[in-house]
């Protein structure tokens, strides 16, 4: 964040010192207003407290400090961006947009605010507005990796997987070890049916963030699509538990047409669940039906071939 307020304080202090040196006595300029000095000290303390609270993960306290600054100066850019960032971290994207809007009214070319608002718009499903903001952010600063990541997500939502990969890899060129980008790229590769590459990407992410549950879950999906069901179930179990893991693996097996494996997994999910697992039972019945239809269809094709 910018520290312009610190620089202003230093300028005042240096000018005052020069005045004393030049005259060798009390400065000829009027003495600073004691209320202004006190207010400046309060603002400095609030900023420091806000940053410390945010670093500790005490988001409510950090937001309170930023809001106290904004009560004294509603146009304080650092506090506006700080409050928006805290709200984003806390999952309140709509609230963050209010602060980003204010910041952009003050400075329409603020890339941080433009990027932040775009990400928030993406989070709340305003995809068209998100794309506009994220592209503008990149136009202001080509190194805004969150904007690149967000545009990758938007490309995935449109089914433009090649474009998504380009965006994610551009973001990774800026922050190579970012688990969030690696996760998004890995999932995008799964959707593009590039399962081995997805696996490699997700494992790379786990090397940087071994306990990231999104990476573990998506790795399990990549393994299941490759027919490596046991390894897939093991990866997903650490995230969702054994019952849900087997249900999810079974569902992918069913989509692949591997009905025997699907039925086996759904039965295992039902056996492992502490209560009746409605979804697994529904999937089991569907897999049995599809298996029966597949057998009948195969028999019909054989008779026609004869």
Protein backbone atom coordinates (compact mmCIF):
# COMPACT_ATOMS: atom_id res chain seq x y z
CA UNK A 1 0.00 0.00 0.00
CA UNK A 2 1.04 3.58 -0.52
CA UNK A 3 2.57 5.48 2.35
CA UNK A 4 1.99 9.02 1.11
CA UNK A 5 0.86 10.12 4.56
CA UNK A 6 4.25 9.11 5.94
CA UNK A 7 6.04 11.13 3.30
CA UNK A 8 3.90 14.18 4.09
CA UNK A 9 4.74 13.89 7.78
CA UNK A 10 8.44 13.68 6.97
CA UNK A 11 8.21 16.75 4.71
CA UNK A 12 6.57 18.76 7.48
CA UNK A 13 9.21 17.65 9.97
CA UNK A 14 12.11 18.44 7.63
CA UNK A 15 10.74 21.89 6.72
CA UNK A 16 10.27 22.73 10.37
CA UNK A 17 13.81 21.64 11.15
CA UNK A 18 15.22 23.77 8.33
CA UNK A 19 13.34 26.79 9.65
CA UNK A 20 14.89 26.41 13.09
CA UNK A 21 18.39 25.99 11.68
CA UNK A 22 18.07 29.02 9.44
CA UNK A 23 16.94 31.40 12.16
CA UNK A 24 18.70 29.89 15.15
CA UNK A 25 15.58 30.53 17.19
CA UNK A 26 11.88 29.89 17.24
CA UNK A 27 10.44 29.53 13.73
CA UNK A 28 8.82 32.57 12.20
CA UNK A 29 6.00 30.50 10.70
CA UNK A 30 2.88 29.94 12.80
CA UNK A 31 3.06 26.89 15.05
CA UNK A 32 1.25 23.83 13.72
CA UNK A 33 -2.31 23.41 14.86
CA UNK A 34 -2.20 20.99 17.80
CA UNK A 35 -5.50 19.42 16.70
CA UNK A 36 -4.05 18.69 13.25
CA UNK A 37 -0.96 17.11 14.77
CA UNK A 38 -3.10 15.00 17.09
CA UNK A 39 -5.36 13.96 14.20
CA UNK A 40 -2.35 12.95 12.12
CA UNK A 41 -1.02 10.85 14.98
CA UNK A 42 -4.39 9.16 15.38
CA UNK A 43 -4.54 8.34 11.67
CA UNK A 44 -1.04 6.91 11.76
CA UNK A 45 -1.95 4.72 14.73
CA UNK A 46 -5.15 3.52 13.07
CA UNK A 47 -3.28 2.57 9.90
CA UNK A 48 -0.70 0.59 11.82
CA UNK A 49 -3.42 -1.16 13.84
CA UNK A 50 -5.39 -2.00 10.68
CA UNK A 51 -2.35 -3.56 9.01
CA UNK A 52 -1.45 -5.53 12.14
CA UNK A 53 -5.01 -6.82 12.57
CA UNK A 54 -5.15 -7.88 8.93
CA UNK A 55 -1.83 -9.73 9.23
CA UNK A 56 -3.19 -11.58 12.27
CA UNK A 57 -6.31 -12.53 10.36
CA UNK A 58 -8.53 -10.36 12.57
CA UNK A 59 -10.54 -9.03 9.67
CA UNK A 60 -13.34 -7.46 11.69
CA UNK A 61 -10.88 -5.42 13.72
CA UNK A 62 -8.95 -4.41 10.59
CA UNK A 63 -12.17 -3.24 8.90
CA UNK A 64 -13.12 -1.23 11.98
CA UNK A 65 -9.76 0.60 11.91
CA UNK A 66 -10.07 1.39 8.21
CA UNK A 67 -13.61 2.66 8.73
CA UNK A 68 -12.41 4.91 11.54
CA UNK A 69 -9.88 6.41 9.13
CA UNK A 70 -12.60 6.93 6.53
CA UNK A 71 -14.80 8.73 9.06
CA UNK A 72 -12.03 11.31 9.34
CA UNK A 73 -11.19 11.31 5.62
CA UNK A 74 -13.73 9.59 3.34
CA UNK A 75 -11.37 9.91 0.37
CA UNK A 76 -8.37 8.20 1.98
CA UNK A 77 -7.26 5.87 -0.84
CA UNK A 78 -5.19 3.58 1.34
CA UNK A 79 -8.07 3.01 3.74
CA UNK A 80 -10.55 2.49 0.88
CA UNK A 81 -8.36 -0.19 -0.69
CA UNK A 82 -7.60 -1.71 2.71
CA UNK A 83 -11.28 -1.96 3.67
CA UNK A 84 -12.12 -3.47 0.27
CA UNK A 85 -9.33 -6.03 0.59
CA UNK A 86 -10.47 -7.06 4.07
CA UNK A 87 -14.05 -7.52 2.90
CA UNK A 88 -12.83 -9.61 -0.04
CA UNK A 89 -10.85 -11.84 2.29
CA UNK A 90 -13.93 -12.22 4.46
CA UNK A 91 -16.08 -13.26 1.50
CA UNK A 92 -18.14 -10.06 1.34
CA UNK A 93 -17.58 -9.22 -2.32
CA UNK A 94 -20.61 -6.94 -2.60
CA UNK A 95 -19.40 -4.88 0.34
CA UNK A 96 -15.92 -4.67 -1.17
CA UNK A 97 -17.35 -3.34 -4.44
CA UNK A 98 -18.69 -0.28 -2.59
CA UNK A 99 -15.18 0.68 -1.50
CA UNK A 100 -13.63 -0.13 -4.88
CA UNK A 101 -16.28 2.05 -6.56
CA UNK A 102 -15.37 4.96 -4.30
CA UNK A 103 -11.66 4.47 -4.97
CA UNK A 104 -12.24 4.42 -8.74
CA UNK A 105 -14.30 7.62 -8.58
CA UNK A 106 -11.26 9.25 -7.01
CA UNK A 107 -8.78 7.62 -9.39
CA UNK A 108 -10.27 5.91 -12.47
CA UNK A 109 -6.82 4.60 -13.41
CA UNK A 110 -6.10 2.81 -10.16
CA UNK A 111 -5.21 -0.70 -11.38
CA UNK A 112 -5.47 -2.27 -7.91
CA UNK A 113 -9.02 -1.02 -7.44
CA UNK A 114 -10.03 -1.97 -10.99
CA UNK A 115 -8.66 -5.49 -10.58
CA UNK A 116 -10.22 -5.92 -7.14
CA UNK A 117 -13.65 -4.82 -8.34
CA UNK A 118 -13.38 -7.16 -11.33
CA UNK A 119 -12.61 -10.13 -9.10
CA UNK A 120 -15.53 -9.25 -6.83
CA UNK A 121 -17.86 -8.94 -9.82
CA UNK A 122 -16.69 -12.37 -10.97
CA UNK A 123 -17.37 -13.82 -7.51
CA UNK A 124 -20.95 -12.52 -7.41
CA UNK A 125 -21.70 -13.70 -10.96
CA UNK A 126 -21.62 -10.39 -12.82
CA UNK A 127 -19.45 -11.88 -15.52
CA UNK A 128 -19.76 -9.21 -18.22
CA UNK A 129 -18.84 -6.39 -15.84
CA UNK A 130 -16.04 -8.52 -14.40
CA UNK A 131 -14.50 -9.06 -17.83
CA UNK A 132 -14.58 -5.31 -18.55
CA UNK A 133 -12.89 -4.42 -15.26
CA UNK A 134 -10.25 -7.15 -15.48
CA UNK A 135 -9.30 -6.20 -19.02
CA UNK A 136 -9.07 -2.55 -18.00
CA UNK A 137 -6.88 -3.49 -15.04
CA UNK A 138 -4.48 -5.28 -17.38
CA UNK A 139 -4.49 -2.29 -19.68
CA UNK A 140 -3.36 -0.18 -16.74
CA UNK A 141 -0.85 -2.72 -15.45
CA UNK A 142 0.05 -5.85 -17.44
CA UNK A 143 1.45 -7.49 -14.29
CA UNK A 144 -1.89 -7.77 -12.47
CA UNK A 145 -1.87 -11.55 -12.07
CA UNK A 146 -5.25 -11.72 -10.35
CA UNK A 147 -6.80 -10.10 -13.41
CA UNK A 148 -5.18 -12.73 -15.63
CA UNK A 149 -6.38 -15.50 -13.33
CA UNK A 150 -9.90 -14.07 -13.28
CA UNK A 151 -10.00 -13.82 -17.07
CA UNK A 152 -8.89 -17.46 -17.18
CA UNK A 153 -11.87 -18.42 -15.04
CA UNK A 154 -14.20 -16.46 -17.32
CA UNK A 155 -12.76 -18.25 -20.36
CA UNK A 156 -13.36 -21.61 -18.65
CA UNK A 157 -16.97 -20.62 -17.99
CA UNK A 158 -17.34 -19.93 -21.72
CA UNK A 159 -15.75 -23.27 -22.59
CA UNK A 160 -12.75 -21.52 -24.14
CA UNK A 161 -10.17 -23.81 -22.56
CA UNK A 162 -7.25 -22.86 -24.80
CA UNK A 163 -7.78 -19.18 -23.99
CA UNK A 164 -8.09 -20.03 -20.29
CA UNK A 165 -4.78 -21.89 -20.37
CA UNK A 166 -3.09 -18.89 -21.99
CA UNK A 167 -4.38 -16.62 -19.23
CA UNK A 168 -3.37 -18.95 -16.42
CA UNK A 169 0.11 -19.47 -17.81
CA UNK A 170 0.57 -15.71 -18.18
CA UNK A 171 -0.40 -15.34 -14.53
CA UNK A 172 2.03 -18.10 -13.54
CA UNK A 173 4.82 -16.27 -15.37
CA UNK A 174 4.32 -13.50 -12.78
CA UNK A 175 3.72 -15.69 -9.69
CA UNK A 176 5.06 -19.16 -10.62
CA UNK A 177 4.26 -20.99 -7.38
CA UNK A 178 0.74 -19.68 -6.78
CA UNK A 179 -1.46 -22.65 -5.73
CA UNK A 180 -4.70 -20.93 -6.70
CA UNK A 181 -3.61 -20.43 -10.30
CA UNK A 182 -2.19 -23.95 -10.52
CA UNK A 183 -5.47 -25.32 -9.20
CA UNK A 184 -7.48 -23.35 -11.75
CA UNK A 185 -5.20 -24.44 -14.58
CA UNK A 186 -5.40 -28.05 -13.44
CA UNK A 187 -9.20 -28.00 -13.34
CA UNK A 188 -9.30 -26.30 -16.73
CA UNK A 189 -7.16 -29.09 -18.18
CA UNK A 190 -9.57 -31.65 -16.70
CA UNK A 191 -12.46 -29.93 -18.47
CA UNK A 192 -10.41 -29.99 -21.67
CA UNK A 193 -9.96 -33.79 -21.20
CA UNK A 194 -6.18 -33.42 -20.80
CA UNK A 195 -6.06 -35.53 -17.68
CA UNK A 196 -2.37 -36.42 -17.49
CA UNK A 197 -1.39 -32.77 -17.87
CA UNK A 198 -3.97 -31.84 -15.27
CA UNK A 199 -2.48 -34.36 -12.87
CA UNK A 200 1.04 -32.97 -13.37
CA UNK A 201 -0.17 -29.40 -12.81
CA UNK A 202 -2.12 -30.26 -9.67
CA UNK A 203 0.82 -32.19 -8.23
CA UNK A 204 2.97 -29.15 -8.88
CA UNK A 205 0.48 -27.09 -6.89
CA UNK A 206 0.53 -29.58 -4.02
CA UNK A 207 4.32 -29.32 -3.90
CA UNK A 208 3.84 -25.67 -2.92
CA UNK A 209 0.67 -26.16 -0.84
CA UNK A 210 0.54 -29.76 0.46
CA UNK A 211 -2.64 -29.23 2.48
CA UNK A 212 -4.67 -27.39 -0.14
CA UNK A 213 -7.95 -29.32 -0.28
CA UNK A 214 -8.97 -27.93 -3.68
CA UNK A 215 -5.79 -29.25 -5.23
CA UNK A 216 -6.23 -32.66 -3.57
CA UNK A 217 -9.84 -32.96 -4.68
CA UNK A 218 -9.11 -31.97 -8.26
CA UNK A 219 -6.13 -34.32 -8.37
CA UNK A 220 -8.54 -37.07 -7.41
CA UNK A 221 -10.78 -36.12 -10.33
CA UNK A 222 -7.86 -36.16 -12.76
CA UNK A 223 -6.86 -39.62 -11.54
CA UNK A 224 -10.40 -40.97 -11.78
CA UNK A 225 -10.74 -39.80 -15.38
CA UNK A 226 -7.59 -41.78 -16.12
CA UNK A 227 -9.19 -44.89 -14.62
CA UNK A 228 -6.93 -44.87 -11.55
CA UNK A 229 -9.83 -45.27 -9.17
CA UNK A 230 -8.04 -46.41 -6.01
CA UNK A 231 -5.54 -43.53 -6.16
CA UNK A 232 -8.40 -41.16 -6.89
CA UNK A 233 -10.44 -42.33 -3.90
CA UNK A 234 -7.39 -41.99 -1.64
CA UNK A 235 -6.82 -38.38 -2.75
CA UNK A 236 -10.45 -37.34 -2.37
CA UNK A 237 -10.95 -39.18 0.94
CA UNK A 238 -8.56 -36.78 2.66
CA UNK A 239 -10.86 -33.94 1.62
CA UNK A 240 -14.41 -35.31 1.70
CA UNK A 241 -14.22 -38.54 3.67
CA UNK A 242 -14.40 -42.10 2.38
CA UNK A 243 -18.12 -42.27 1.62
CA UNK A 244 -18.29 -39.11 -0.49
CA UNK A 245 -14.97 -39.91 -2.12
CA UNK A 246 -16.21 -43.28 -3.36
CA UNK A 247 -19.47 -41.74 -4.52
CA UNK A 248 -17.60 -39.11 -6.54
CA UNK A 249 -15.18 -41.63 -8.01
CA UNK A 250 -18.09 -43.87 -8.88
CA UNK A 251 -19.84 -41.01 -10.63
CA UNK A 252 -16.84 -40.39 -12.88
CA UNK A 253 -16.59 -44.12 -13.59
CA UNK A 254 -20.26 -44.04 -14.57
CA UNK A 255 -19.66 -41.10 -16.92
CA UNK A 256 -16.79 -43.07 -18.47
CA UNK A 257 -19.11 -46.01 -19.05
CA UNK A 258 -17.23 -48.16 -16.54
CA UNK A 259 -20.43 -49.36 -14.93
CA UNK A 260 -18.98 -52.29 -12.97
CA UNK A 261 -16.51 -49.99 -11.23
CA UNK A 262 -19.22 -47.38 -10.68
CA UNK A 263 -21.58 -49.87 -9.04
CA UNK A 264 -18.77 -51.13 -6.82
CA UNK A 265 -17.91 -47.60 -5.68
CA UNK A 266 -21.51 -46.62 -5.00
CA UNK A 267 -22.02 -49.74 -2.90
CA UNK A 268 -18.86 -48.94 -0.97
CA UNK A 269 -20.07 -45.38 -0.41
CA UNK A 270 -23.35 -46.69 1.01
CA UNK A 271 -21.51 -49.12 3.29
CA UNK A 272 -19.11 -46.46 4.59
CA UNK A 273 -21.67 -43.72 5.18
CA UNK A 274 -22.81 -43.39 8.83
CA UNK A 275 -26.35 -42.68 7.62
CA UNK A 276 -28.33 -43.61 4.54
CA UNK A 277 -26.58 -41.93 1.61
CA UNK A 278 -29.42 -40.89 -0.68
CA UNK A 279 -27.23 -39.55 -3.49
CA UNK A 280 -25.07 -42.69 -3.60
CA UNK A 281 -28.18 -44.89 -3.71
CA UNK A 282 -29.65 -42.83 -6.55
CA UNK A 283 -26.36 -43.11 -8.43
CA UNK A 284 -26.25 -46.84 -7.80
CA UNK A 285 -29.71 -47.35 -9.30
CA UNK A 286 -28.78 -45.21 -12.30
CA UNK A 287 -25.51 -47.13 -12.86
CA UNK A 288 -27.37 -50.46 -12.72
CA UNK A 289 -29.89 -49.20 -15.25
CA UNK A 290 -27.20 -47.90 -17.58
CA UNK A 291 -25.27 -51.15 -17.25
CA UNK A 292 -28.37 -53.15 -18.19
CA UNK A 293 -29.07 -50.86 -21.15
CA UNK A 294 -25.45 -51.19 -22.26
CA UNK A 295 -25.61 -54.98 -22.14
CA UNK A 296 -28.88 -55.03 -24.08
CA UNK A 297 -27.53 -52.58 -26.64
CA UNK A 298 -24.41 -54.69 -27.07
CA UNK A 299 -26.45 -57.84 -27.56
CA UNK A 300 -28.64 -56.08 -30.13
CA UNK A 301 -25.59 -54.93 -32.10
CA UNK A 302 -24.14 -58.44 -32.07
CA UNK A 303 -27.38 -59.92 -33.43
CA UNK A 304 -27.46 -57.30 -36.19
CA UNK A 305 -23.85 -58.11 -37.05
CA UNK A 306 -24.69 -61.81 -37.37
